[in-house]
Amino acid sequence: MTRTAAPPPTRTSSRQGLVLVGTAIVLTGFNLRTAVNSVGPVLEEIERGLGISSGLAGLITSMPLICFALIGFAGPPLAARYRDGHVLAAALLVMAIGLLLRVSVPNVWVFLLGTVATMVGGALGNVLLPGLVKRWFPDRTGLLVGAYSTALAIGGAVASVSTAPIAEAAGAEGWRWGLGIWAVFALVAALPWLAVPVRPGASRGGHAAVRLRALGRSRLAWTMAAFFGLQAMQAYVIVGWTAQYLRDQGMSAEAAGFLVGLNALIVIPLNAVVPLGTVRPTWQRPMLLAFVACYLAGWTGLLLAPLTLTWLWVCLLGLGMGTFAMILALFGLRGRTPESVSALSTVAQGWGYALAGVGPLLVGLLRGLTGGYTGMFVLVYVGVGLLLATGWSICRPRYVDDEVPALGGPAGRPGDFPETEVAGAEPPVLLPRPER
């Protein structure tokens, strides 16, 4: 979707209004991954509490990716019809209800339904926050995107580290408290959005459909979708299953959760540094090789010596996750126009999340069938090999526009491109209006 740029805030709205909006954005960012990262550290307790198989546990760890792939595309149409602040407030309220719903009844289907509701906040937040940042903070876009991206990583890390201790302190069925307590933070984040004033001069017009179907003929688009999905699969296997794997090796729940949180903290500086290197074409393939080497070393360390230097293996996996920031930067380098970049990013991330959702699900199914984690390591090693192959291809300089000439600006007028916000990016990709 595309949106015309709104004029900057007036002086009457630039003081209290900007502080309120900035606070709401950062609080929302904190909540985008708490519901996802809190599951892994207590996955064993969830299996026992719901009486489910390892295969269903794999479905639980895959649900966020499936929801991100499907729900995220609803963000721009909703924002076109309603105020962004009201959409986000509603999304966070639905998230809070979902967090409470999935721990209120000992039924796996209610848990899955609550998980879908829980992911509404994360999926819509991914899509709508970039437009809000650009609209309210046109001169401080980098600062605000960095602020809520950092809050996102901190929220995920805090959830990973604290969920298991909360569950243990709560006693029997404590995992319900460990998962449900994050509803409080979602409710707190929803309140500022209800008080955000209407943006002066904001308009709901100027929307136009991005031509996405044409990308089905682009080999580059499909390769980038595969790369995005493979790197996301690595990340969500790490988040969803690493803690349980370490616990099965004899590590305490608290220590395993702390290590997953350490992995999340490693990603914070990578998101700031990796794009700066990716824009240099000669650095792309060496960086890719370094990320792949980190993945291989981290997974091999966990396979051969899971309880020895575990912090090192987890940190290496965190460095490997720099592939996420790399693909976000490559989206902007593989399209000639904002329209084509927007279409490429939306399609690649949508199909990529769908592909990534298969990974955690397969880990659970294979664990249930074999009683161990051999299948998980086979899956991640194959994934790393495919990640290298697809990454090597997309590092070759070319443009999706050359493969799909039908991609173009609104009404076929080259060079007349409004500001675009890309659905599903995390952190989102912002494309400003070019100079005429």
Protein backbone atom coordinates (compact mmCIF):
# COMPACT_ATOMS: atom_id res chain seq x y z
CA MET A 1 0.00 0.00 0.00
CA THR A 2 1.09 3.58 -0.51
CA ARG A 3 0.27 6.75 1.32
CA THR A 4 0.82 10.38 0.53
CA ALA A 5 3.01 12.23 2.97
CA ALA A 6 1.22 14.44 5.50
CA PRO A 7 2.42 17.90 6.42
CA PRO A 8 4.53 18.29 9.55
CA PRO A 9 2.87 18.80 12.93
CA THR A 10 1.88 22.29 13.92
CA ARG A 11 3.41 24.01 16.97
CA THR A 12 0.22 23.38 18.96
CA SER A 13 0.70 19.65 18.53
CA SER A 14 4.49 19.46 18.61
CA ARG A 15 4.95 19.54 22.38
CA GLN A 16 2.60 17.44 24.44
CA GLY A 17 1.28 15.62 21.39
CA LEU A 18 4.73 14.51 20.22
CA VAL A 19 5.74 13.35 23.69
CA LEU A 20 2.52 11.34 23.93
CA VAL A 21 2.94 9.78 20.48
CA GLY A 22 6.62 9.01 21.09
CA THR A 23 5.77 7.32 24.38
CA ALA A 24 3.02 5.29 22.73
CA ILE A 25 5.36 4.18 19.93
CA VAL A 26 8.10 3.02 22.31
CA LEU A 27 5.63 1.22 24.60
CA THR A 28 4.12 -0.52 21.60
CA GLY A 29 7.58 -1.58 20.43
CA PHE A 30 8.25 -3.15 23.83
CA ASN A 31 5.18 -5.39 23.40
CA LEU A 32 5.82 -6.62 19.85
CA ARG A 33 7.79 -9.74 20.90
CA THR A 34 6.89 -10.39 24.55
CA ALA A 35 4.14 -12.85 23.61
CA VAL A 36 6.51 -14.73 21.28
CA ASN A 37 9.63 -14.90 23.43
CA SER A 38 7.82 -15.86 26.63
CA VAL A 39 6.71 -19.26 25.27
CA GLY A 40 10.07 -20.98 24.77
CA PRO A 41 11.32 -20.87 28.38
CA VAL A 42 8.15 -22.61 29.69
CA LEU A 43 7.35 -24.82 26.70
CA GLU A 44 7.77 -27.99 28.77
CA GLU A 45 5.25 -26.73 31.34
CA ILE A 46 2.83 -25.78 28.55
CA GLU A 47 3.04 -29.32 27.14
CA ARG A 48 2.28 -30.83 30.54
CA GLY A 49 -0.40 -28.29 31.47
CA LEU A 50 -2.33 -28.70 28.22
CA GLY A 51 -1.55 -32.41 27.83
CA ILE A 52 -0.31 -31.95 24.27
CA SER A 53 2.19 -33.74 22.09
CA SER A 54 5.50 -32.35 20.91
CA GLY A 55 3.95 -31.87 17.48
CA LEU A 56 1.28 -29.53 18.86
CA ALA A 57 4.00 -27.72 20.80
CA GLY A 58 5.72 -27.17 17.45
CA LEU A 59 2.48 -25.70 16.10
CA ILE A 60 2.39 -23.29 19.04
CA THR A 61 5.92 -22.07 18.24
CA SER A 62 4.99 -21.68 14.55
CA MET A 63 1.78 -19.73 15.10
CA PRO A 64 3.46 -16.29 15.44
CA LEU A 65 5.07 -16.61 12.02
CA ILE A 66 1.86 -17.71 10.36
CA CYS A 67 0.01 -14.81 11.97
CA PHE A 68 2.69 -12.30 10.96
CA ALA A 69 2.38 -13.55 7.37
CA LEU A 70 -1.41 -13.20 7.25
CA ILE A 71 -2.47 -10.48 9.68
CA GLY A 72 0.23 -7.97 8.73
CA PHE A 73 -1.31 -7.36 5.31
CA ALA A 74 -4.49 -6.10 7.00
CA GLY A 75 -2.67 -3.13 8.56
CA PRO A 76 -2.64 -0.64 5.66
CA PRO A 77 -6.33 -1.20 4.73
CA LEU A 78 -7.35 -0.73 8.36
CA ALA A 79 -5.26 2.41 8.67
CA ALA A 80 -6.86 3.71 5.46
CA ARG A 81 -10.31 3.41 7.03
CA TYR A 82 -9.63 4.30 10.67
CA ARG A 83 -7.16 6.41 12.64
CA ASP A 84 -3.80 4.68 13.11
CA GLY A 85 -3.87 5.33 16.85
CA HIS A 86 -7.27 3.71 17.24
CA VAL A 87 -6.22 0.70 15.17
CA LEU A 88 -3.14 0.19 17.34
CA ALA A 89 -5.08 0.71 20.57
CA ALA A 90 -7.59 -1.93 19.44
CA ALA A 91 -4.77 -4.27 18.36
CA LEU A 92 -3.08 -3.99 21.76
CA LEU A 93 -6.37 -4.55 23.56
CA VAL A 94 -6.99 -7.66 21.47
CA MET A 95 -3.43 -8.73 22.27
CA ALA A 96 -4.10 -8.37 26.01
CA ILE A 97 -7.34 -10.36 25.72
CA GLY A 98 -5.50 -13.08 23.78
CA LEU A 99 -2.74 -13.27 26.38
CA LEU A 100 -5.31 -13.82 29.11
CA LEU A 101 -7.48 -16.14 27.03
CA ARG A 102 -4.73 -18.61 26.22
CA VAL A 103 -3.87 -19.17 29.89
CA SER A 104 -7.41 -19.15 31.31
CA VAL A 105 -8.67 -22.53 30.08
CA PRO A 106 -6.74 -25.86 30.00
CA ASN A 107 -7.65 -26.51 26.38
CA VAL A 108 -5.14 -26.49 23.55
CA TRP A 109 -7.59 -25.10 20.97
CA VAL A 110 -8.46 -22.19 23.23
CA PHE A 111 -4.72 -21.66 23.69
CA LEU A 112 -4.22 -21.55 19.91
CA LEU A 113 -7.17 -19.17 19.47
CA GLY A 114 -5.70 -16.92 22.16
CA THR A 115 -2.32 -17.07 20.40
CA VAL A 116 -3.90 -15.80 17.17
CA ALA A 117 -5.49 -12.89 19.07
CA THR A 118 -2.19 -12.24 20.82
CA MET A 119 -0.32 -11.92 17.53
CA VAL A 120 -2.68 -9.17 16.27
CA GLY A 121 -0.76 -6.58 18.25
CA GLY A 122 2.63 -7.69 16.94
CA ALA A 123 1.55 -8.06 13.32
CA LEU A 124 -0.25 -4.71 13.06
CA GLY A 125 2.47 -2.96 15.04
CA ASN A 126 5.04 -4.10 12.48
CA VAL A 127 3.03 -2.45 9.72
CA LEU A 128 1.65 0.73 11.26
CA LEU A 129 4.50 2.06 13.39
CA PRO A 130 6.65 3.20 10.43
CA GLY A 131 3.93 5.42 9.03
CA LEU A 132 3.27 6.96 12.44
CA VAL A 133 6.96 7.65 12.97
CA LYS A 134 7.26 9.29 9.56
CA ARG A 135 4.09 11.34 10.02
CA TRP A 136 4.74 12.68 13.51
CA PHE A 137 8.56 12.77 13.47
CA PRO A 138 9.56 13.54 9.86
CA ASP A 139 12.90 15.03 10.97
CA ARG A 140 13.67 12.36 13.59
CA THR A 141 12.68 9.18 11.81
CA GLY A 142 15.94 7.38 12.54
CA LEU A 143 15.82 8.29 16.21
CA LEU A 144 12.27 7.00 16.73
CA VAL A 145 12.70 3.87 14.62
CA GLY A 146 15.84 3.12 16.60
CA ALA A 147 14.03 3.79 19.88
CA TYR A 148 11.14 1.43 19.28
CA SER A 149 13.37 -1.20 17.60
CA THR A 150 15.52 -1.15 20.72
CA ALA A 151 12.38 -1.38 22.87
CA LEU A 152 11.30 -4.37 20.75
CA ALA A 153 14.58 -6.18 21.40
CA ILE A 154 14.52 -5.28 25.09
CA GLY A 155 10.95 -6.51 25.45
CA GLY A 156 11.84 -9.81 23.80
CA ALA A 157 14.94 -10.21 25.97
CA VAL A 158 13.07 -9.39 29.20
CA ALA A 159 10.34 -11.89 28.32
CA SER A 160 12.92 -14.60 27.61
CA VAL A 161 14.81 -14.02 30.85
CA SER A 162 11.96 -13.42 33.31
CA THR A 163 9.19 -15.81 32.23
CA ALA A 164 10.69 -18.94 33.82
CA PRO A 165 11.45 -17.26 37.19
CA ILE A 166 7.92 -15.81 37.27
CA ALA A 167 6.47 -19.25 36.55
CA GLU A 168 8.55 -20.89 39.28
CA ALA A 169 7.67 -18.22 41.84
CA ALA A 170 3.95 -18.61 41.09
CA GLY A 171 4.05 -22.30 42.00
CA ALA A 172 1.75 -24.91 40.45
CA GLU A 173 0.53 -23.93 36.98
CA GLY A 174 2.89 -20.98 37.26
CA TRP A 175 3.46 -20.98 33.49
CA ARG A 176 0.04 -19.36 33.16
CA TRP A 177 1.29 -16.39 35.18
CA GLY A 178 4.53 -16.36 33.21
CA LEU A 179 2.60 -15.96 29.94
CA GLY A 180 -0.39 -13.93 31.12
CA ILE A 181 1.49 -11.20 32.98
CA TRP A 182 2.48 -9.56 29.68
CA ALA A 183 -1.16 -8.56 29.18
CA VAL A 184 -0.55 -5.78 31.73
CA PHE A 185 2.11 -4.23 29.51
CA ALA A 186 -0.13 -4.48 26.43
CA LEU A 187 -2.92 -2.65 28.28
CA VAL A 188 -0.51 0.07 29.42
CA ALA A 189 0.70 0.54 25.83
CA ALA A 190 -2.87 0.83 24.52
CA LEU A 191 -3.83 3.74 26.79
CA PRO A 192 -1.67 6.48 25.21
CA TRP A 193 -3.04 5.71 21.74
CA LEU A 194 -6.57 6.52 22.92
CA ALA A 195 -5.42 10.01 23.89
CA VAL A 196 -3.36 10.74 20.76
CA PRO A 197 -4.94 13.71 18.93
CA VAL A 198 -5.90 13.69 15.31
CA ARG A 199 -2.87 14.50 13.21
CA PRO A 200 -3.32 18.05 11.83
CA GLY A 201 -3.69 17.90 8.08
CA ALA A 202 -3.74 14.09 8.00
CA SER A 203 -5.62 12.54 5.13
CA ARG A 204 -6.99 9.09 4.47
CA GLY A 205 -6.77 9.60 0.74
CA GLY A 206 -3.96 8.96 -1.64
CA HIS A 207 -3.92 5.17 -1.30
CA ALA A 208 -3.14 2.98 -4.27
CA ALA A 209 -2.66 -0.75 -4.63
CA VAL A 210 0.86 -2.06 -5.07
CA ARG A 211 1.14 -4.43 -8.03
CA LEU A 212 2.17 -7.59 -6.22
CA ARG A 213 1.00 -10.33 -8.58
CA ALA A 214 3.53 -9.32 -11.21
CA LEU A 215 6.33 -10.36 -8.85
CA GLY A 216 5.32 -13.99 -9.31
CA ARG A 217 7.38 -13.87 -12.52
CA SER A 218 10.50 -12.58 -10.79
CA ARG A 219 13.23 -15.06 -9.87
CA LEU A 220 14.85 -12.41 -7.67
CA ALA A 221 11.62 -11.92 -5.69
CA TRP A 222 11.26 -15.64 -5.03
CA THR A 223 14.93 -15.96 -4.06
CA MET A 224 14.64 -13.07 -1.63
CA ALA A 225 11.46 -14.60 -0.19
CA ALA A 226 13.35 -17.86 0.35
CA PHE A 227 16.27 -16.06 2.02
CA PHE A 228 13.95 -14.07 4.28
CA GLY A 229 12.04 -17.22 5.24
CA LEU A 230 15.20 -19.23 5.92
CA GLN A 231 16.72 -16.58 8.18
CA ALA A 232 13.40 -16.17 10.02
CA MET A 233 13.18 -19.95 10.45
CA GLN A 234 16.62 -19.96 12.09
CA ALA A 235 15.58 -17.14 14.41
CA TYR A 236 12.31 -18.70 15.51
CA VAL A 237 13.79 -22.16 16.03
CA ILE A 238 16.31 -20.44 18.30
CA VAL A 239 13.62 -18.49 20.16
CA GLY A 240 11.10 -21.33 20.29
CA TRP A 241 13.23 -24.42 20.92
CA THR A 242 16.72 -23.54 22.20
CA ALA A 243 15.59 -23.11 25.80
CA GLN A 244 13.70 -26.43 25.77
CA TYR A 245 16.68 -28.20 24.19
CA LEU A 246 19.01 -26.90 26.90
CA ARG A 247 16.55 -27.92 29.62
CA ASP A 248 16.38 -31.42 28.19
CA GLN A 249 20.19 -31.52 28.43
CA GLY A 250 19.98 -30.78 32.16
CA MET A 251 20.05 -26.98 32.38
CA SER A 252 17.64 -25.16 34.68
CA ALA A 253 14.70 -23.27 33.20
CA GLU A 254 16.03 -19.95 34.55
CA ALA A 255 19.48 -20.42 33.02
CA ALA A 256 18.05 -21.53 29.67
CA GLY A 257 15.73 -18.52 29.56
CA PHE A 258 18.59 -16.20 30.44
CA LEU A 259 20.69 -17.54 27.55
CA VAL A 260 17.85 -17.03 25.07
CA GLY A 261 17.54 -13.48 26.40
CA LEU A 262 21.29 -13.01 25.88
CA ASN A 263 20.80 -14.08 22.28
CA ALA A 264 18.12 -11.38 21.88
CA LEU A 265 20.43 -8.72 23.32
CA ILE A 266 23.19 -9.56 20.82
CA VAL A 267 20.82 -8.62 17.99
CA ILE A 268 20.33 -5.02 19.17
CA PRO A 269 23.65 -3.55 17.93
CA LEU A 270 23.57 -5.73 14.82
CA ASN A 271 20.37 -4.05 13.62
CA ALA A 272 22.20 -0.71 13.67
CA VAL A 273 25.53 -1.79 12.15
CA VAL A 274 24.75 -4.44 9.52
CA PRO A 275 22.72 -2.21 7.13
CA LEU A 276 25.66 0.22 6.95
CA GLY A 277 27.86 -2.57 5.63
CA THR A 278 25.20 -4.06 3.37
CA VAL A 279 24.96 -0.90 1.25
CA ARG A 280 28.57 -1.54 0.20
CA PRO A 281 28.33 -4.20 -2.55
CA THR A 282 31.84 -5.54 -1.94
CA TRP A 283 30.99 -6.24 1.71
CA GLN A 284 27.80 -8.21 1.14
CA ARG A 285 29.18 -11.68 0.38
CA PRO A 286 31.95 -11.53 3.01
CA MET A 287 29.32 -10.55 5.58
CA LEU A 288 27.09 -13.40 4.43
CA LEU A 289 29.95 -15.88 4.84
CA ALA A 290 30.64 -14.54 8.33
CA PHE A 291 26.99 -14.94 9.35
CA VAL A 292 26.84 -18.48 7.97
CA ALA A 293 30.08 -19.37 9.82
CA CYS A 294 28.57 -18.06 13.06
CA TYR A 295 25.44 -20.15 12.55
CA LEU A 296 27.46 -23.30 11.85
CA ALA A 297 29.76 -22.75 14.85
CA GLY A 298 26.85 -21.97 17.19
CA TRP A 299 24.73 -24.95 16.20
CA THR A 300 27.74 -27.30 16.24
CA GLY A 301 28.65 -26.10 19.73
CA LEU A 302 25.12 -26.76 20.99
CA LEU A 303 25.13 -30.19 19.36
CA LEU A 304 28.51 -31.40 20.67
CA ALA A 305 28.84 -29.51 23.98
CA PRO A 306 25.46 -28.03 24.97
CA LEU A 307 26.43 -27.45 28.62
CA THR A 308 30.01 -26.26 27.97
CA LEU A 309 30.55 -22.64 26.91
CA THR A 310 26.84 -22.44 26.19
CA TRP A 311 26.96 -18.64 26.34
CA LEU A 312 29.46 -18.66 23.45
CA TRP A 313 27.29 -20.88 21.25
CA VAL A 314 24.25 -18.70 21.95
CA CYS A 315 26.17 -15.51 21.17
CA LEU A 316 27.42 -16.99 17.88
CA LEU A 317 23.84 -17.80 16.90
CA GLY A 318 22.92 -14.22 17.77
CA LEU A 319 25.65 -12.93 15.44
CA GLY A 320 24.36 -15.22 12.70
CA MET A 321 20.97 -13.54 13.05
CA GLY A 322 22.55 -10.47 11.48
CA THR A 323 21.11 -11.92 8.25
CA PHE A 324 17.81 -10.28 9.26
CA ALA A 325 19.17 -6.73 9.14
CA MET A 326 21.02 -7.64 5.94
CA ILE A 327 17.90 -8.70 4.03
CA LEU A 328 16.03 -5.58 5.13
CA ALA A 329 18.80 -3.44 3.65
CA LEU A 330 18.91 -5.52 0.46
CA PHE A 331 15.22 -4.85 -0.19
CA GLY A 332 16.10 -1.20 -0.76
CA LEU A 333 18.99 -2.11 -3.07
CA ARG A 334 17.13 -4.49 -5.38
CA GLY A 335 14.46 -2.10 -6.64
CA ARG A 336 14.88 1.01 -8.79
CA THR A 337 11.85 2.82 -7.41
CA PRO A 338 10.01 3.06 -4.08
CA GLU A 339 7.05 1.27 -5.68
CA SER A 340 9.11 -1.72 -6.74
CA VAL A 341 10.96 -1.88 -3.41
CA SER A 342 7.65 -1.78 -1.54
CA ALA A 343 6.19 -4.56 -3.66
CA LEU A 344 9.35 -6.67 -3.37
CA SER A 345 9.56 -6.30 0.40
CA THR A 346 5.87 -7.01 0.98
CA VAL A 347 5.82 -10.16 -1.15
CA ALA A 348 9.16 -11.49 0.08
CA GLN A 349 8.26 -11.04 3.73
CA GLY A 350 4.74 -12.41 3.36
CA TRP A 351 5.83 -15.63 1.68
CA GLY A 352 9.00 -15.71 3.78
CA TYR A 353 7.09 -15.77 7.07
CA ALA A 354 4.87 -18.55 5.70
CA LEU A 355 7.99 -20.58 4.88
CA ALA A 356 9.58 -19.82 8.24
CA GLY A 357 6.54 -21.11 10.10
CA VAL A 358 7.30 -24.62 8.86
CA GLY A 359 10.59 -24.74 10.80
CA PRO A 360 9.44 -24.68 14.45
CA LEU A 361 6.52 -26.94 13.55
CA LEU A 362 8.84 -29.55 12.03
CA VAL A 363 11.11 -29.41 15.06
CA GLY A 364 8.18 -30.30 17.30
CA LEU A 365 6.95 -33.07 15.02
CA LEU A 366 10.41 -34.62 14.64
CA ARG A 367 11.04 -34.40 18.38
CA GLY A 368 7.78 -36.20 19.02
CA LEU A 369 8.58 -38.94 16.51
CA THR A 370 12.21 -39.52 17.50
CA GLY A 371 12.24 -38.46 21.13
CA GLY A 372 15.30 -36.29 20.52
CA TYR A 373 16.67 -33.30 18.64
CA THR A 374 18.49 -34.93 15.76
CA GLY A 375 15.77 -33.73 13.40
CA MET A 376 16.17 -30.15 14.65
CA PHE A 377 19.88 -30.11 13.91
CA VAL A 378 19.40 -31.66 10.47
CA LEU A 379 16.79 -28.99 9.73
CA VAL A 380 18.94 -26.05 10.83
CA TYR A 381 22.05 -27.33 9.05
CA VAL A 382 20.12 -27.77 5.79
CA GLY A 383 18.62 -24.34 6.37
CA VAL A 384 22.05 -22.75 6.77
CA GLY A 385 23.21 -24.34 3.52
CA LEU A 386 20.17 -23.02 1.64
CA LEU A 387 20.65 -19.65 3.34
CA LEU A 388 24.16 -19.44 1.88
CA ALA A 389 22.96 -20.44 -1.60
CA THR A 390 20.05 -17.99 -1.76
CA GLY A 391 22.06 -15.23 -0.07
CA TRP A 392 24.92 -15.60 -2.54
CA SER A 393 22.39 -15.15 -5.36
CA ILE A 394 20.67 -12.03 -4.00
CA CYS A 395 24.06 -10.39 -3.33
CA ARG A 396 24.57 -10.20 -7.11
CA PRO A 397 23.63 -6.62 -8.11
CA ARG A 398 20.41 -6.52 -10.14
CA TYR A 399 16.91 -5.06 -9.94
CA VAL A 400 13.50 -6.63 -9.71
CA ASP A 401 12.23 -3.92 -12.10
CA ASP A 402 14.31 -5.43 -14.90
CA GLU A 403 12.64 -8.83 -14.42
CA VAL A 404 9.12 -7.39 -14.07
CA PRO A 405 8.74 -4.31 -16.30
CA ALA A 406 5.09 -4.04 -15.23
CA LEU A 407 6.19 -2.61 -11.87
CA GLY A 408 5.83 1.13 -12.00
CA GLY A 409 4.61 4.25 -10.31
CA PRO A 410 1.02 5.31 -9.84
CA ALA A 411 -0.85 5.78 -13.08
CA GLY A 412 2.26 4.76 -14.97
CA ARG A 413 4.08 8.01 -14.29
CA PRO A 414 7.74 7.27 -13.57
CA GLY A 415 9.25 9.36 -10.83
CA ASP A 416 5.96 10.35 -9.19
CA PHE A 417 6.15 8.13 -6.13
CA PRO A 418 4.66 8.91 -2.74
CA GLU A 419 6.16 7.82 0.53
CA THR A 420 5.65 4.07 1.07
CA GLU A 421 5.47 1.96 4.19
CA VAL A 422 6.29 -1.72 3.81
CA ALA A 423 3.99 -4.24 5.46
CA GLY A 424 5.59 -6.78 7.76
CA ALA A 425 9.09 -5.30 8.11
CA GLU A 426 10.67 -5.65 11.54
CA PRO A 427 12.05 -3.13 12.01
CA PRO A 428 10.03 -1.55 9.17
CA VAL A 429 11.54 -0.20 5.97
CA LEU A 430 10.84 3.49 5.25
CA LEU A 431 11.04 4.89 1.75
CA PRO A 432 10.85 8.71 1.53
CA ARG A 433 9.43 10.73 -1.31
CA PRO A 434 12.25 11.35 -3.84
CA GLU A 435 13.10 14.83 -5.06
CA ARG A 436 11.66 15.80 -8.42
